[in-house]
PDB file of all heavy atoms in Angstrom:
ATOM      1  N   CYS A   1    -125.871 106.561  69.938  1.00  0.00           N
ATOM      2  CA  CYS A   1    -124.608 106.905  69.342  1.00  0.00           C
ATOM      3  C   CYS A   1    -124.351 108.414  69.494  1.00  0.00           C
ATOM      4  O   CYS A   1    -123.205 108.791  69.834  1.00  0.00           O
ATOM      5  CB  CYS A   1    -124.518 106.522  67.811  1.00  0.00           C
ATOM      6  SG  CYS A   1    -124.474 104.812  67.491  1.00  0.00           S
ATOM      7  N   TRP A   2    -125.360 109.212  69.221  1.00  0.00           N
ATOM      8  CA  TRP A   2    -125.238 110.657  69.343  1.00  0.00           C
ATOM      9  C   TRP A   2    -124.816 111.046  70.809  1.00  0.00           C
ATOM     10  O   TRP A   2    -123.913 111.861  71.024  1.00  0.00           O
ATOM     11  CB  TRP A   2    -126.474 111.356  68.992  1.00  0.00           C
ATOM     12  CG  TRP A   2    -126.336 112.848  68.841  1.00  0.00           C
ATOM     13  CD1 TRP A   2    -126.077 113.567  67.714  1.00  0.00           C
ATOM     14  CD2 TRP A   2    -126.465 113.822  69.958  1.00  0.00           C
ATOM     15  NE1 TRP A   2    -125.972 114.983  68.070  1.00  0.00           N
ATOM     16  CE2 TRP A   2    -126.286 115.079  69.353  1.00  0.00           C
ATOM     17  CE3 TRP A   2    -126.795 113.692  71.287  1.00  0.00           C
ATOM     18  CZ2 TRP A   2    -126.310 116.254  70.179  1.00  0.00           C
ATOM     19  CZ3 TRP A   2    -126.858 114.862  72.053  1.00  0.00           C
ATOM     20  CH2 TRP A   2    -126.580 116.088  71.485  1.00  0.00           C
ATOM     21  N   SER A   3    -125.459 110.370  71.702  1.00  0.00           N
ATOM     22  CA  SER A   3    -125.105 110.746  73.212  1.00  0.00           C
ATOM     23  C   SER A   3    -123.728 110.289  73.537  1.00  0.00           C
ATOM     24  O   SER A   3    -122.962 111.054  74.123  1.00  0.00           O
ATOM     25  CB  SER A   3    -126.097 109.937  74.122  1.00  0.00           C
ATOM     26  OG  SER A   3    -125.907 110.126  75.383  1.00  0.00           O
ATOM     27  N   VAL A   4    -123.338 109.070  73.160  1.00  0.00           N
ATOM     28  CA  VAL A   4    -121.978 108.623  73.473  1.00  0.00           C
ATOM     29  C   VAL A   4    -120.936 109.548  72.864  1.00  0.00           C
ATOM     30  O   VAL A   4    -119.892 109.819  73.511  1.00  0.00           O
ATOM     31  CB  VAL A   4    -121.785 107.129  73.040  1.00  0.00           C
ATOM     32  CG1 VAL A   4    -120.269 106.720  73.210  1.00  0.00           C
ATOM     33  CG2 VAL A   4    -122.672 106.266  73.807  1.00  0.00           C
ATOM     34  N   HIS A   5    -121.175 110.005  71.617  1.00  0.00           N
ATOM     35  CA  HIS A   5    -120.115 110.777  70.922  1.00  0.00           C
ATOM     36  C   HIS A   5    -120.146 112.245  71.446  1.00  0.00           C
ATOM     37  O   HIS A   5    -119.237 112.957  71.100  1.00  0.00           O
ATOM     38  CB  HIS A   5    -120.287 110.703  69.435  1.00  0.00           C
ATOM     39  CG  HIS A   5    -120.931 111.948  68.785  1.00  0.00           C
ATOM     40  ND1 HIS A   5    -122.162 112.415  68.994  1.00  0.00           N
ATOM     41  CD2 HIS A   5    -120.390 112.758  67.798  1.00  0.00           C
ATOM     42  CE1 HIS A   5    -122.428 113.508  68.290  1.00  0.00           C
ATOM     43  NE2 HIS A   5    -121.314 113.692  67.545  1.00  0.00           N
ATOM     44  N   ASN A   6    -121.139 112.552  72.304  1.00  0.00           N
ATOM     45  CA  ASN A   6    -121.285 113.942  72.740  1.00  0.00           C
ATOM     46  C   ASN A   6    -121.405 114.063  74.204  1.00  0.00           C
ATOM     47  O   ASN A   6    -122.268 114.638  74.768  1.00  0.00           O
ATOM     48  CB  ASN A   6    -122.495 114.613  72.025  1.00  0.00           C
ATOM     49  CG  ASN A   6    -122.527 116.163  72.092  1.00  0.00           C
ATOM     50  OD1 ASN A   6    -121.484 116.731  72.407  1.00  0.00           O
ATOM     51  ND2 ASN A   6    -123.620 116.740  71.800  1.00  0.00           N
ATOM     52  N   CYS A   7    -120.438 113.366  74.915  1.00  0.00           N
ATOM     53  CA  CYS A   7    -120.244 113.455  76.281  1.00  0.00           C
ATOM     54  C   CYS A   7    -121.413 112.989  77.153  1.00  0.00           C
ATOM     55  O   CYS A   7    -121.633 113.381  78.263  1.00  0.00           O
ATOM     56  CB  CYS A   7    -119.902 114.887  76.681  1.00  0.00           C
ATOM     57  SG  CYS A   7    -118.435 115.572  75.874  1.00  0.00           S
ATOM     58  N   GLY A   8    -122.257 112.087  76.596  1.00  0.00           N
ATOM     59  CA  GLY A   8    -123.399 111.562  77.351  1.00  0.00           C
ATOM     60  C   GLY A   8    -124.576 112.484  77.409  1.00  0.00           C
ATOM     61  O   GLY A   8    -125.543 112.165  78.084  1.00  0.00           O
ATOM     62  N   ARG A   9    -124.509 113.548  76.573  1.00  0.00           N
ATOM     63  CA  ARG A   9    -125.728 114.411  76.509  1.00  0.00           C
ATOM     64  C   ARG A   9    -126.829 113.705  75.693  1.00  0.00           C
ATOM     65  O   ARG A   9    -126.581 112.736  75.038  1.00  0.00           O
ATOM     66  CB  ARG A   9    -125.347 115.729  75.867  1.00  0.00           C
ATOM     67  CG  ARG A   9    -124.280 116.477  76.613  1.00  0.00           C
ATOM     68  CD  ARG A   9    -123.972 117.839  75.926  1.00  0.00           C
ATOM     69  NE  ARG A   9    -122.936 118.514  76.617  1.00  0.00           N
ATOM     70  CZ  ARG A   9    -121.672 118.703  76.338  1.00  0.00           C
ATOM     71  NH1 ARG A   9    -121.193 118.016  75.244  1.00  0.00           N
ATOM     72  NH2 ARG A   9    -120.857 119.427  77.092  1.00  0.00           N
ATOM     73  N   MET A  10    -127.967 114.354  75.792  1.00  0.00           N
ATOM     74  CA  MET A  10    -129.121 113.875  74.883  1.00  0.00           C
ATOM     75  C   MET A  10    -129.642 115.048  74.080  1.00  0.00           C
ATOM     76  O   MET A  10    -129.617 116.207  74.599  1.00  0.00           O
ATOM     77  CB  MET A  10    -130.235 113.283  75.815  1.00  0.00           C
ATOM     78  CG  MET A  10    -129.978 111.958  76.457  1.00  0.00           C
ATOM     79  SD  MET A  10    -129.848 110.670  75.122  1.00  0.00           S
ATOM     80  CE  MET A  10    -129.595 109.199  76.136  1.00  0.00           C
ATOM     81  N   PRO A  11    -130.088 114.730  72.908  1.00  0.00           N
ATOM     82  CA  PRO A  11    -130.694 115.819  72.042  1.00  0.00           C
ATOM     83  C   PRO A  11    -131.832 116.574  72.807  1.00  0.00           C
ATOM     84  O   PRO A  11    -132.587 115.915  73.480  1.00  0.00           O
ATOM     85  CB  PRO A  11    -131.217 115.116  70.858  1.00  0.00           C
ATOM     86  CG  PRO A  11    -130.405 113.868  70.777  1.00  0.00           C
ATOM     87  CD  PRO A  11    -130.156 113.449  72.179  1.00  0.00           C
ATOM     88  N   ASP A  12    -131.836 117.866  72.675  1.00  0.00           N
ATOM     89  CA  ASP A  12    -132.951 118.668  73.225  1.00  0.00           C
ATOM     90  C   ASP A  12    -132.995 118.699  74.727  1.00  0.00           C
ATOM     91  O   ASP A  12    -134.004 119.059  75.352  1.00  0.00           O
ATOM     92  CB  ASP A  12    -134.345 118.203  72.672  1.00  0.00           C
ATOM     93  CG  ASP A  12    -134.411 118.142  71.168  1.00  0.00           C
ATOM     94  OD1 ASP A  12    -133.810 119.051  70.551  1.00  0.00           O
ATOM     95  OD2 ASP A  12    -134.910 117.201  70.623  1.00  0.00           O
ATOM     96  N   ARG A  13    -131.904 118.282  75.419  1.00  0.00           N
ATOM     97  CA  ARG A  13    -131.766 118.426  76.873  1.00  0.00           C
ATOM     98  C   ARG A  13    -130.732 119.510  77.190  1.00  0.00           C
ATOM     99  O   ARG A  13    -130.007 120.013  76.352  1.00  0.00           O
ATOM    100  CB  ARG A  13    -131.462 117.099  77.515  1.00  0.00           C
ATOM    101  CG  ARG A  13    -132.520 116.041  77.311  1.00  0.00           C
ATOM    102  CD  ARG A  13    -133.906 116.493  77.831  1.00  0.00           C
ATOM    103  NE  ARG A  13    -133.844 116.660  79.295  1.00  0.00           N
ATOM    104  CZ  ARG A  13    -134.269 115.785  80.175  1.00  0.00           C
ATOM    105  NH1 ARG A  13    -134.854 114.724  79.767  1.00  0.00           N
ATOM    106  NH2 ARG A  13    -134.161 115.994  81.465  1.00  0.00           N
ATOM    107  N   GLN A  14    -130.564 119.731  78.501  1.00  0.00           N
ATOM    108  CA  GLN A  14    -129.675 120.769  78.895  1.00  0.00           C
ATOM    109  C   GLN A  14    -128.123 120.379  78.605  1.00  0.00           C
ATOM    110  O   GLN A  14    -127.770 119.210  78.659  1.00  0.00           O
ATOM    111  CB  GLN A  14    -129.803 121.081  80.403  1.00  0.00           C
ATOM    112  CG  GLN A  14    -131.143 121.577  80.765  1.00  0.00           C
ATOM    113  CD  GLN A  14    -131.428 123.003  80.174  1.00  0.00           C
ATOM    114  OE1 GLN A  14    -130.580 123.844  80.174  1.00  0.00           O
ATOM    115  NE2 GLN A  14    -132.601 123.115  79.484  1.00  0.00           N
ATOM    116  N   TRP A  15    -127.266 121.369  78.386  1.00  0.00           N
ATOM    117  CA  TRP A  15    -125.945 121.240  77.977  1.00  0.00           C
ATOM    118  C   TRP A  15    -125.198 120.444  79.113  1.00  0.00           C
ATOM    119  O   TRP A  15    -124.304 119.531  78.812  1.00  0.00           O
ATOM    120  CB  TRP A  15    -125.250 122.518  77.780  1.00  0.00           C
ATOM    121  CG  TRP A  15    -123.867 122.436  77.289  1.00  0.00           C
ATOM    122  CD1 TRP A  15    -122.717 122.786  77.986  1.00  0.00           C
ATOM    123  CD2 TRP A  15    -123.354 121.971  76.001  1.00  0.00           C
ATOM    124  NE1 TRP A  15    -121.600 122.556  77.264  1.00  0.00           N
ATOM    125  CE2 TRP A  15    -121.961 122.089  76.051  1.00  0.00           C
ATOM    126  CE3 TRP A  15    -123.965 121.454  74.878  1.00  0.00           C
ATOM    127  CZ2 TRP A  15    -121.174 121.692  74.999  1.00  0.00           C
ATOM    128  CZ3 TRP A  15    -123.228 121.122  73.814  1.00  0.00           C
ATOM    129  CH2 TRP A  15    -121.787 121.263  73.905  1.00  0.00           C
ATOM    130  N   TYR A  16    -125.434 120.716  80.333  1.00  0.00           N
ATOM    131  CA  TYR A  16    -124.753 120.109  81.445  1.00  0.00           C
ATOM    132  C   TYR A  16    -125.492 118.971  82.035  1.00  0.00           C
ATOM    133  O   TYR A  16    -125.290 118.566  83.220  1.00  0.00           O
ATOM    134  CB  TYR A  16    -124.308 121.166  82.519  1.00  0.00           C
ATOM    135  CG  TYR A  16    -123.237 122.005  82.012  1.00  0.00           C
ATOM    136  CD1 TYR A  16    -123.376 123.356  81.719  1.00  0.00           C
ATOM    137  CD2 TYR A  16    -121.983 121.549  81.633  1.00  0.00           C
ATOM    138  CE1 TYR A  16    -122.390 124.239  81.311  1.00  0.00           C
ATOM    139  CE2 TYR A  16    -120.890 122.300  81.149  1.00  0.00           C
ATOM    140  CZ  TYR A  16    -121.164 123.719  81.027  1.00  0.00           C
ATOM    141  OH  TYR A  16    -120.106 124.458  80.488  1.00  0.00           O
ATOM    142  N   GLU A  17    -126.383 118.334  81.306  1.00  0.00           N
ATOM    143  CA  GLU A  17    -126.995 117.054  81.686  1.00  0.00           C
ATOM    144  C   GLU A  17    -126.307 115.972  80.951  1.00  0.00           C
ATOM    145  O   GLU A  17    -126.154 116.011  79.668  1.00  0.00           O
ATOM    146  CB  GLU A  17    -128.507 117.067  81.356  1.00  0.00           C
ATOM    147  CG  GLU A  17    -129.381 117.988  82.228  1.00  0.00           C
ATOM    148  CD  GLU A  17    -130.836 117.723  81.830  1.00  0.00           C
ATOM    149  OE1 GLU A  17    -131.224 118.093  80.723  1.00  0.00           O
ATOM    150  OE2 GLU A  17    -131.633 117.254  82.742  1.00  0.00           O
ATOM    151  N   HIS A  18    -125.871 115.001  81.683  1.00  0.00           N
ATOM    152  CA  HIS A  18    -125.173 113.897  81.134  1.00  0.00           C
ATOM    153  C   HIS A  18    -125.715 112.519  81.573  1.00  0.00           C
ATOM    154  O   HIS A  18    -125.788 112.253  82.685  1.00  0.00           O
ATOM    155  CB  HIS A  18    -123.621 113.875  81.516  1.00  0.00           C
ATOM    156  CG  HIS A  18    -122.958 115.229  81.182  1.00  0.00           C
ATOM    157  ND1 HIS A  18    -122.428 115.444  79.958  1.00  0.00           N
ATOM    158  CD2 HIS A  18    -122.848 116.320  81.903  1.00  0.00           C
ATOM    159  CE1 HIS A  18    -121.934 116.704  79.969  1.00  0.00           C
ATOM    160  NE2 HIS A  18    -122.185 117.231  81.182  1.00  0.00           N
ATOM    161  N   PHE A  19    -126.279 111.822  80.641  1.00  0.00           N
ATOM    162  CA  PHE A  19    -127.162 110.642  80.880  1.00  0.00           C
ATOM    163  C   PHE A  19    -126.461 109.349  80.841  1.00  0.00           C
ATOM    164  O   PHE A  19    -126.979 108.341  81.306  1.00  0.00           O
ATOM    165  CB  PHE A  19    -128.328 110.656  79.915  1.00  0.00           C
ATOM    166  CG  PHE A  19    -129.268 111.831  80.150  1.00  0.00           C
ATOM    167  CD1 PHE A  19    -129.026 113.011  79.512  1.00  0.00           C
ATOM    168  CD2 PHE A  19    -130.369 111.755  80.955  1.00  0.00           C
ATOM    169  CE1 PHE A  19    -129.852 114.146  79.619  1.00  0.00           C
ATOM    170  CE2 PHE A  19    -131.220 112.870  81.102  1.00  0.00           C
ATOM    171  CZ  PHE A  19    -130.937 114.066  80.487  1.00  0.00           C
ATOM    172  N   THR A  20    -125.259 109.345  80.197  1.00  0.00           N
ATOM    173  CA  THR A  20    -124.569 108.000  80.113  1.00  0.00           C
ATOM    174  C   THR A  20    -123.063 108.301  79.932  1.00  0.00           C
ATOM    175  O   THR A  20    -122.673 109.481  79.698  1.00  0.00           O
ATOM    176  CB  THR A  20    -125.049 107.191  78.873  1.00  0.00           C
ATOM    177  OG1 THR A  20    -124.496 105.939  78.855  1.00  0.00           O
ATOM    178  CG2 THR A  20    -124.794 107.922  77.538  1.00  0.00           C
ATOM    179  N   ILE A  21    -122.242 107.290  79.999  1.00  0.00           N
ATOM    180  CA  ILE A  21    -120.847 107.452  79.827  1.00  0.00           C
ATOM    181  C   ILE A  21    -120.567 107.725  78.346  1.00  0.00           C
ATOM    182  O   ILE A  21    -121.201 107.163  77.420  1.00  0.00           O
ATOM    183  CB  ILE A  21    -119.991 106.262  80.221  1.00  0.00           C
ATOM    184  CG1 ILE A  21    -118.496 106.547  80.279  1.00  0.00           C
ATOM    185  CG2 ILE A  21    -120.337 105.051  79.448  1.00  0.00           C
ATOM    186  CD1 ILE A  21    -118.053 107.448  81.315  1.00  0.00           C
ATOM    187  N   GLY A  22    -119.751 108.773  78.093  1.00  0.00           N
ATOM    188  CA  GLY A  22    -119.406 109.141  76.688  1.00  0.00           C
ATOM    189  C   GLY A  22    -118.151 109.931  76.689  1.00  0.00           C
ATOM    190  O   GLY A  22    -117.439 110.046  77.686  1.00  0.00           O
ATOM    191  N   GLY A  23    -117.957 110.571  75.573  1.00  0.00           N
ATOM    192  CA  GLY A  23    -116.788 111.431  75.433  1.00  0.00           C
ATOM    193  C   GLY A  23    -116.945 112.481  74.319  1.00  0.00           C
ATOM    194  O   GLY A  23    -117.954 112.407  73.623  1.00  0.00           O
ATOM    195  N   ASN A  24    -116.074 113.355  74.223  1.00  0.00           N
ATOM    196  CA  ASN A  24    -116.042 114.321  73.064  1.00  0.00           C
ATOM    197  C   ASN A  24    -115.398 113.622  71.876  1.00  0.00           C
ATOM    198  O   ASN A  24    -114.196 113.761  71.708  1.00  0.00           O
ATOM    199  CB  ASN A  24    -115.447 115.634  73.395  1.00  0.00           C
ATOM    200  CG  ASN A  24    -115.432 116.620  72.260  1.00  0.00           C
ATOM    201  OD1 ASN A  24    -115.973 116.288  71.227  1.00  0.00           O
ATOM    202  ND2 ASN A  24    -114.883 117.719  72.373  1.00  0.00           N
ATOM    203  N   TYR A  25    -116.219 112.974  71.080  1.00  0.00           N
ATOM    204  CA  TYR A  25    -115.722 112.236  69.936  1.00  0.00           C
ATOM    205  C   TYR A  25    -116.138 112.941  68.672  1.00  0.00           C
ATOM    206  O   TYR A  25    -116.131 112.272  67.563  1.00  0.00           O
ATOM    207  CB  TYR A  25    -116.198 110.789  69.934  1.00  0.00           C
ATOM    208  CG  TYR A  25    -115.778 109.951  71.181  1.00  0.00           C
ATOM    209  CD1 TYR A  25    -116.700 109.184  71.892  1.00  0.00           C
ATOM    210  CD2 TYR A  25    -114.489 109.995  71.575  1.00  0.00           C
ATOM    211  CE1 TYR A  25    -116.395 108.494  72.984  1.00  0.00           C
ATOM    212  CE2 TYR A  25    -114.106 109.244  72.734  1.00  0.00           C
ATOM    213  CZ  TYR A  25    -115.025 108.429  73.412  1.00  0.00           C
ATOM    214  OH  TYR A  25    -114.647 107.734  74.451  1.00  0.00           O
ATOM    215  N   ARG A  26    -116.531 114.128  68.709  1.00  0.00           N
ATOM    216  CA  ARG A  26    -117.065 114.857  67.574  1.00  0.00           C
ATOM    217  C   ARG A  26    -116.040 115.136  66.495  1.00  0.00           C
ATOM    218  O   ARG A  26    -114.955 115.528  66.828  1.00  0.00           O
ATOM    219  CB  ARG A  26    -117.791 116.126  67.999  1.00  0.00           C
ATOM    220  CG  ARG A  26    -118.916 115.969  69.021  1.00  0.00           C
ATOM    221  CD  ARG A  26    -119.566 117.286  69.328  1.00  0.00           C
ATOM    222  NE  ARG A  26    -118.571 118.286  69.854  1.00  0.00           N
ATOM    223  CZ  ARG A  26    -118.406 118.495  71.161  1.00  0.00           C
ATOM    224  NH1 ARG A  26    -119.082 117.769  72.051  1.00  0.00           N
ATOM    225  NH2 ARG A  26    -117.579 119.426  71.578  1.00  0.00           N
ATOM    226  N   LEU A  27    -116.405 114.952  65.239  1.00  0.00           N
ATOM    227  CA  LEU A  27    -115.486 115.300  64.132  1.00  0.00           C
ATOM    228  C   LEU A  27    -115.388 116.817  64.015  1.00  0.00           C
ATOM    229  O   LEU A  27    -116.341 117.572  64.305  1.00  0.00           O
ATOM    230  CB  LEU A  27    -116.149 114.788  62.798  1.00  0.00           C
ATOM    231  CG  LEU A  27    -115.204 114.771  61.608  1.00  0.00           C
ATOM    232  CD1 LEU A  27    -114.107 113.785  61.744  1.00  0.00           C
ATOM    233  CD2 LEU A  27    -116.059 114.446  60.362  1.00  0.00           C
ATOM    234  N   SER A  28    -114.245 117.323  63.609  1.00  0.00           N
ATOM    235  CA  SER A  28    -114.006 118.816  63.508  1.00  0.00           C
ATOM    236  C   SER A  28    -114.573 119.311  62.137  1.00  0.00           C
ATOM    237  O   SER A  28    -114.729 118.545  61.218  1.00  0.00           O
ATOM    238  CB  SER A  28    -112.551 119.118  63.567  1.00  0.00           C
ATOM    239  OG  SER A  28    -111.918 118.891  62.358  1.00  0.00           O
ATOM    240  N   GLU A  29    -114.784 120.588  62.101  1.00  0.00           N
ATOM    241  CA  GLU A  29    -115.310 121.278  60.922  1.00  0.00           C
ATOM    242  C   GLU A  29    -114.261 121.144  59.822  1.00  0.00           C
ATOM    243  O   GLU A  29    -114.607 121.110  58.612  1.00  0.00           O
ATOM    244  CB  GLU A  29    -115.694 122.668  61.222  1.00  0.00           C
ATOM    245  CG  GLU A  29    -117.012 122.860  61.907  1.00  0.00           C
ATOM    246  CD  GLU A  29    -118.238 122.456  61.008  1.00  0.00           C
ATOM    247  OE1 GLU A  29    -118.560 123.290  60.069  1.00  0.00           O
ATOM    248  OE2 GLU A  29    -118.679 121.376  61.156  1.00  0.00           O
ATOM    249  N   PHE A  30    -112.984 121.234  60.123  1.00  0.00           N
ATOM    250  CA  PHE A  30    -111.939 121.158  59.033  1.00  0.00           C
ATOM    251  C   PHE A  30    -112.008 119.856  58.351  1.00  0.00           C
ATOM    252  O   PHE A  30    -111.876 119.758  57.165  1.00  0.00           O
ATOM    253  CB  PHE A  30    -110.584 121.379  59.700  1.00  0.00           C
ATOM    254  CG  PHE A  30    -110.390 122.765  60.305  1.00  0.00           C
ATOM    255  CD1 PHE A  30    -109.603 122.928  61.380  1.00  0.00           C
ATOM    256  CD2 PHE A  30    -111.014 123.822  59.790  1.00  0.00           C
ATOM    257  CE1 PHE A  30    -109.334 124.185  61.929  1.00  0.00           C
ATOM    258  CE2 PHE A  30    -110.768 125.122  60.325  1.00  0.00           C
ATOM    259  CZ  PHE A  30    -110.048 125.313  61.399  1.00  0.00           C
ATOM    260  N   GLN A  31    -112.181 118.735  59.132  1.00  0.00           N
ATOM    261  CA  GLN A  31    -112.271 117.475  58.502  1.00  0.00           C
ATOM    262  C   GLN A  31    -113.576 117.329  57.685  1.00  0.00           C
ATOM    263  O   GLN A  31    -113.558 116.721  56.659  1.00  0.00           O
ATOM    264  CB  GLN A  31    -112.201 116.345  59.562  1.00  0.00           C
ATOM    265  CG  GLN A  31    -110.798 116.204  60.229  1.00  0.00           C
ATOM    266  CD  GLN A  31    -110.847 115.421  61.430  1.00  0.00           C
ATOM    267  OE1 GLN A  31    -111.570 115.725  62.452  1.00  0.00           O
ATOM    268  NE2 GLN A  31    -110.037 114.375  61.560  1.00  0.00           N
TER     269      GLN A  31
END
């Protein structure tokens, strides 16, 4: 779930590594 909501990244890996299909679904700080 974390990967899908964060552009297919994985925790503790490089920012521009994308391991699966995903998107920027992150909640904003204001919300």
